[in-house]
Each structure stands twice: as structure tokens, then as C-alpha cells.
Amino acid sequence: MPSVTDFRIGQAAALLGVSDDTVRRWVDGGALAAGRDGAGRLVVDGAELAGFARRQALAVADPSGVDRSARNRFVGLVTAVTADRVMAQVEMQCGPHRVVSLMSAEAVAELGLEVGSLAVAVVKATTVIVETPRNQP
């Protein structure tokens, strides 16, 4: 099993979707622990960064009020609907994530989905593929 990676400030910022300066402010303010690598550069331990990312993630409240077994719910806005007589492709922007669903054109009409609609994408998958970078330290 590979050891946990240290991430330089720029890498951590890219993974969190913020600027390098924001990560430095978090480190300086004590919100994110960092150390120095062998070259003296400021780095964040991968496990620390993962925990911080999880704590920082702000889930948008699910407006549907429905209880369900699926844990992967993404609240967002419909950004595109492409439909023919039978099938439709619905694209949503859920925070930084683009979610695409294929469904019947009838379902699109019944749900009233159109560009700008608020919607919740619910994902229940038995297969999730996880990849790692080829040149990971």
C-alpha cells in the first residue's frame, strides 16, 4: 500500500478549488496543519487534506424532503435539456460537478425539467471506478 502523499500548497489549492493564498491563510490561521518537506517547502499531509476537505464541504440542503437509501444526492440547477420524442439528456451543475442523466422524454415533461430548474440528482451505483494518477509520488 502506498504511503500518504504530501501536497504542496498549489496542489492542495487546486484540489480544494481555491487559491494558493487561501490555503496559506488557512495554514497561518491554524485551520489546516502543514509542515515542511525535505527541500523546506510548505506541504500538507494527504490525510490531513482529506479530512479538511470533508469538513469544508458544504452540502446544499436537499429540498425534496424525501428519505431514501441512496447517499449520493447532488442538488443543483438544470443547465441543459436535449430531448427527442422518446429519450432525453438532462445536464445539471451541482456545485463544481457536472451531472448528466439519460431519462425518458416523458419523465422530463412530468418533472417539468427545463434550464434553470432546481433539481436533485440521486445516484445509487453498484460500480464506482477509482483511478489514481500514473506518476503519483
C-alpha atoms as a PDB file:
ATOM      1  CA  MET A   1       0.000   0.000   0.000  1.00  0.00           C
ATOM      2  CA  PRO A   2       1.496   3.365  -0.971  1.00  0.00           C
ATOM      3  CA  SER A   3       2.270   5.912   1.707  1.00  0.00           C
ATOM      4  CA  VAL A   4       0.150   9.017   2.065  1.00  0.00           C
ATOM      5  CA  THR A   5       1.198  11.831  -0.218  1.00  0.00           C
ATOM      6  CA  ASP A   6       2.287  15.279   0.875  1.00  0.00           C
ATOM      7  CA  PHE A   7       0.783  18.029  -1.257  1.00  0.00           C
ATOM      8  CA  ARG A   8       2.455  21.344  -1.968  1.00  0.00           C
ATOM      9  CA  ILE A   9       0.327  24.441  -1.356  1.00  0.00           C
ATOM     10  CA  GLY A  10      -0.506  24.906  -5.056  1.00  0.00           C
ATOM     11  CA  GLN A  11      -1.563  21.271  -5.394  1.00  0.00           C
ATOM     12  CA  ALA A  12      -3.723  21.472  -2.262  1.00  0.00           C
ATOM     13  CA  ALA A  13      -5.332  24.671  -3.560  1.00  0.00           C
ATOM     14  CA  ALA A  14      -6.160  23.044  -6.907  1.00  0.00           C
ATOM     15  CA  LEU A  15      -7.724  20.033  -5.179  1.00  0.00           C
ATOM     16  CA  LEU A  16      -9.833  22.270  -2.927  1.00  0.00           C
ATOM     17  CA  GLY A  17     -10.796  24.670  -5.732  1.00  0.00           C
ATOM     18  CA  VAL A  18      -9.340  27.740  -4.031  1.00  0.00           C
ATOM     19  CA  SER A  19      -6.296  29.988  -4.471  1.00  0.00           C
ATOM     20  CA  ASP A  20      -2.831  29.317  -3.064  1.00  0.00           C
ATOM     21  CA  ASP A  21      -3.291  32.383  -0.850  1.00  0.00           C
ATOM     22  CA  THR A  22      -6.464  30.922   0.656  1.00  0.00           C
ATOM     23  CA  VAL A  23      -4.635  27.709   1.598  1.00  0.00           C
ATOM     24  CA  ARG A  24      -1.783  29.741   3.112  1.00  0.00           C
ATOM     25  CA  ARG A  25      -4.313  31.768   5.158  1.00  0.00           C
ATOM     26  CA  TRP A  26      -5.873  28.521   6.431  1.00  0.00           C
ATOM     27  CA  VAL A  27      -2.414  27.241   7.395  1.00  0.00           C
ATOM     28  CA  ASP A  28      -1.421  30.536   9.031  1.00  0.00           C
ATOM     29  CA  GLY A  29      -4.749  30.646  10.906  1.00  0.00           C
ATOM     30  CA  GLY A  30      -4.349  27.097  12.203  1.00  0.00           C
ATOM     31  CA  ALA A  31      -7.344  25.688  10.299  1.00  0.00           C
ATOM     32  CA  LEU A  32      -5.120  23.418   8.204  1.00  0.00           C
ATOM     33  CA  ALA A  33      -1.962  21.747   9.521  1.00  0.00           C
ATOM     34  CA  ALA A  34       1.131  21.898   7.332  1.00  0.00           C
ATOM     35  CA  GLY A  35       4.798  21.001   7.582  1.00  0.00           C
ATOM     36  CA  ARG A  36       7.951  21.275   5.504  1.00  0.00           C
ATOM     37  CA  ASP A  37       9.298  18.753   3.013  1.00  0.00           C
ATOM     38  CA  GLY A  38      12.974  17.861   2.586  1.00  0.00           C
ATOM     39  CA  ALA A  39      13.507  20.946   0.422  1.00  0.00           C
ATOM     40  CA  GLY A  40      11.896  23.223   3.017  1.00  0.00           C
ATOM     41  CA  ARG A  41       8.696  23.779   1.016  1.00  0.00           C
ATOM     42  CA  LEU A  42       5.384  24.082   2.826  1.00  0.00           C
ATOM     43  CA  VAL A  43       3.352  20.866   2.384  1.00  0.00           C
ATOM     44  CA  VAL A  44       0.087  19.422   3.669  1.00  0.00           C
ATOM     45  CA  ASP A  45      -0.188  15.750   4.550  1.00  0.00           C
ATOM     46  CA  GLY A  46      -2.695  13.936   2.304  1.00  0.00           C
ATOM     47  CA  ALA A  47      -4.719  12.530   5.210  1.00  0.00           C
ATOM     48  CA  GLU A  48      -4.898  15.998   6.799  1.00  0.00           C
ATOM     49  CA  LEU A  49      -6.010  17.498   3.480  1.00  0.00           C
ATOM     50  CA  ALA A  50      -8.667  14.812   3.016  1.00  0.00           C
ATOM     51  CA  GLY A  51     -10.121  15.462   6.472  1.00  0.00           C
ATOM     52  CA  PHE A  52     -10.049  19.212   5.898  1.00  0.00           C
ATOM     53  CA  ALA A  53     -11.787  18.823   2.520  1.00  0.00           C
ATOM     54  CA  ARG A  54     -14.506  16.742   4.126  1.00  0.00           C
ATOM     55  CA  ARG A  55     -15.034  19.278   6.921  1.00  0.00           C
ATOM     56  CA  GLN A  56     -15.129  22.159   4.414  1.00  0.00           C
ATOM     57  CA  ALA A  57     -17.634  20.518   2.070  1.00  0.00           C
ATOM     58  CA  LEU A  58     -20.935  22.297   2.370  1.00  0.00           C
ATOM     59  CA  ALA A  59     -23.746  20.148   1.099  1.00  0.00           C
ATOM     60  CA  VAL A  60     -26.700  22.020  -0.277  1.00  0.00           C
ATOM     61  CA  ALA A  61     -29.843  21.048   1.612  1.00  0.00           C
ATOM     62  CA  ASP A  62     -31.979  18.540  -0.293  1.00  0.00           C
ATOM     63  CA  PRO A  63     -35.266  20.379  -0.950  1.00  0.00           C
ATOM     64  CA  SER A  64     -37.212  17.202  -1.776  1.00  0.00           C
ATOM     65  CA  GLY A  65     -37.858  16.167   1.837  1.00  0.00           C
ATOM     66  CA  VAL A  66     -37.779  12.513   0.799  1.00  0.00           C
ATOM     67  CA  ASP A  67     -35.999   9.807   2.806  1.00  0.00           C
ATOM     68  CA  ARG A  68     -34.072   7.331   0.665  1.00  0.00           C
ATOM     69  CA  SER A  69     -31.355   4.748   0.892  1.00  0.00           C
ATOM     70  CA  ALA A  70     -29.100   6.410  -1.696  1.00  0.00           C
ATOM     71  CA  ARG A  71     -26.454   8.532  -0.007  1.00  0.00           C
ATOM     72  CA  ASN A  72     -25.189  10.337  -3.101  1.00  0.00           C
ATOM     73  CA  ARG A  73     -27.509  13.292  -3.651  1.00  0.00           C
ATOM     74  CA  PHE A  74     -26.422  16.325  -5.621  1.00  0.00           C
ATOM     75  CA  VAL A  75     -28.569  19.444  -5.510  1.00  0.00           C
ATOM     76  CA  GLY A  76     -28.122  21.725  -8.482  1.00  0.00           C
ATOM     77  CA  LEU A  77     -29.502  23.591 -11.433  1.00  0.00           C
ATOM     78  CA  VAL A  78     -30.543  22.106 -14.745  1.00  0.00           C
ATOM     79  CA  THR A  79     -28.206  23.620 -17.350  1.00  0.00           C
ATOM     80  CA  ALA A  80     -29.338  21.782 -20.498  1.00  0.00           C
ATOM     81  CA  VAL A  81     -32.141  19.521 -21.701  1.00  0.00           C
ATOM     82  CA  THR A  82     -31.856  17.730 -25.036  1.00  0.00           C
ATOM     83  CA  ALA A  83     -34.868  15.602 -25.915  1.00  0.00           C
ATOM     84  CA  ASP A  84     -36.421  13.788 -28.819  1.00  0.00           C
ATOM     85  CA  ARG A  85     -39.793  12.021 -28.843  1.00  0.00           C
ATOM     86  CA  VAL A  86     -38.613   9.158 -26.606  1.00  0.00           C
ATOM     87  CA  MET A  87     -35.402   9.952 -24.696  1.00  0.00           C
ATOM     88  CA  ALA A  88     -33.779  12.980 -23.103  1.00  0.00           C
ATOM     89  CA  GLN A  89     -30.400  14.037 -21.762  1.00  0.00           C
ATOM     90  CA  VAL A  90     -30.517  16.339 -18.747  1.00  0.00           C
ATOM     91  CA  GLU A  91     -27.380  18.151 -17.606  1.00  0.00           C
ATOM     92  CA  MET A  92     -27.067  19.663 -14.136  1.00  0.00           C
ATOM     93  CA  GLN A  93     -24.444  21.784 -12.430  1.00  0.00           C
ATOM     94  CA  CYS A  94     -24.181  20.677  -8.804  1.00  0.00           C
ATOM     95  CA  GLY A  95     -21.533  22.862  -7.208  1.00  0.00           C
ATOM     96  CA  PRO A  96     -18.348  22.148  -9.156  1.00  0.00           C
ATOM     97  CA  HIS A  97     -19.758  18.896 -10.544  1.00  0.00           C
ATOM     98  CA  ARG A  98     -21.489  18.373 -13.875  1.00  0.00           C
ATOM     99  CA  VAL A  99     -24.028  15.557 -13.633  1.00  0.00           C
ATOM    100  CA  VAL A 100     -25.650  14.100 -16.748  1.00  0.00           C
ATOM    101  CA  SER A 101     -28.742  11.890 -16.706  1.00  0.00           C
ATOM    102  CA  LEU A 102     -30.425   9.987 -19.500  1.00  0.00           C
ATOM    103  CA  MET A 103     -34.158   9.503 -18.993  1.00  0.00           C
ATOM    104  CA  SER A 104     -37.370   9.291 -20.930  1.00  0.00           C
ATOM    105  CA  ALA A 105     -38.738  12.449 -22.525  1.00  0.00           C
ATOM    106  CA  GLU A 106     -41.949  11.664 -20.642  1.00  0.00           C
ATOM    107  CA  ALA A 107     -40.069  11.885 -17.294  1.00  0.00           C
ATOM    108  CA  VAL A 108     -38.630  15.281 -18.269  1.00  0.00           C
ATOM    109  CA  ALA A 109     -42.130  16.559 -19.022  1.00  0.00           C
ATOM    110  CA  GLU A 110     -43.629  15.087 -15.823  1.00  0.00           C
ATOM    111  CA  LEU A 111     -40.871  16.630 -13.680  1.00  0.00           C
ATOM    112  CA  GLY A 112     -41.079  19.957 -15.509  1.00  0.00           C
ATOM    113  CA  LEU A 113     -37.336  19.969 -16.079  1.00  0.00           C
ATOM    114  CA  GLU A 114     -36.049  22.949 -18.027  1.00  0.00           C
ATOM    115  CA  VAL A 115     -32.922  25.093 -17.969  1.00  0.00           C
ATOM    116  CA  GLY A 116     -32.823  26.877 -14.617  1.00  0.00           C
ATOM    117  CA  SER A 117     -34.914  24.299 -12.735  1.00  0.00           C
ATOM    118  CA  LEU A 118     -33.775  23.289  -9.255  1.00  0.00           C
ATOM    119  CA  ALA A 119     -33.317  19.512  -9.139  1.00  0.00           C
ATOM    120  CA  VAL A 120     -31.684  16.754  -7.111  1.00  0.00           C
ATOM    121  CA  ALA A 121     -29.568  14.103  -8.827  1.00  0.00           C
ATOM    122  CA  VAL A 122     -29.714  10.862  -6.831  1.00  0.00           C
ATOM    123  CA  VAL A 123     -27.002   8.327  -7.620  1.00  0.00           C
ATOM    124  CA  LYS A 124     -27.142   4.730  -6.430  1.00  0.00           C
ATOM    125  CA  ALA A 125     -24.424   2.781  -8.175  1.00  0.00           C
ATOM    126  CA  THR A 126     -23.119  -0.717  -7.689  1.00  0.00           C
ATOM    127  CA  THR A 127     -19.995   0.140  -9.665  1.00  0.00           C
ATOM    128  CA  VAL A 128     -17.721   3.048  -8.869  1.00  0.00           C
ATOM    129  CA  ILE A 129     -14.366   3.131 -10.627  1.00  0.00           C
ATOM    130  CA  VAL A 130     -11.478   4.719  -8.718  1.00  0.00           C
ATOM    131  CA  GLU A 131      -8.318   5.788 -10.553  1.00  0.00           C
ATOM    132  CA  THR A 132      -5.002   7.154  -9.381  1.00  0.00           C
ATOM    133  CA  PRO A 133      -2.516   9.304 -11.294  1.00  0.00           C
ATOM    134  CA  ARG A 134       0.146   7.268 -13.093  1.00  0.00           C
ATOM    135  CA  ASN A 135       3.045   9.362 -11.737  1.00  0.00           C
ATOM    136  CA  GLN A 136       1.858   9.584  -8.144  1.00  0.00           C
ATOM    137  CA  PRO A 137       4.719  10.069  -5.642  1.00  0.00           C
END
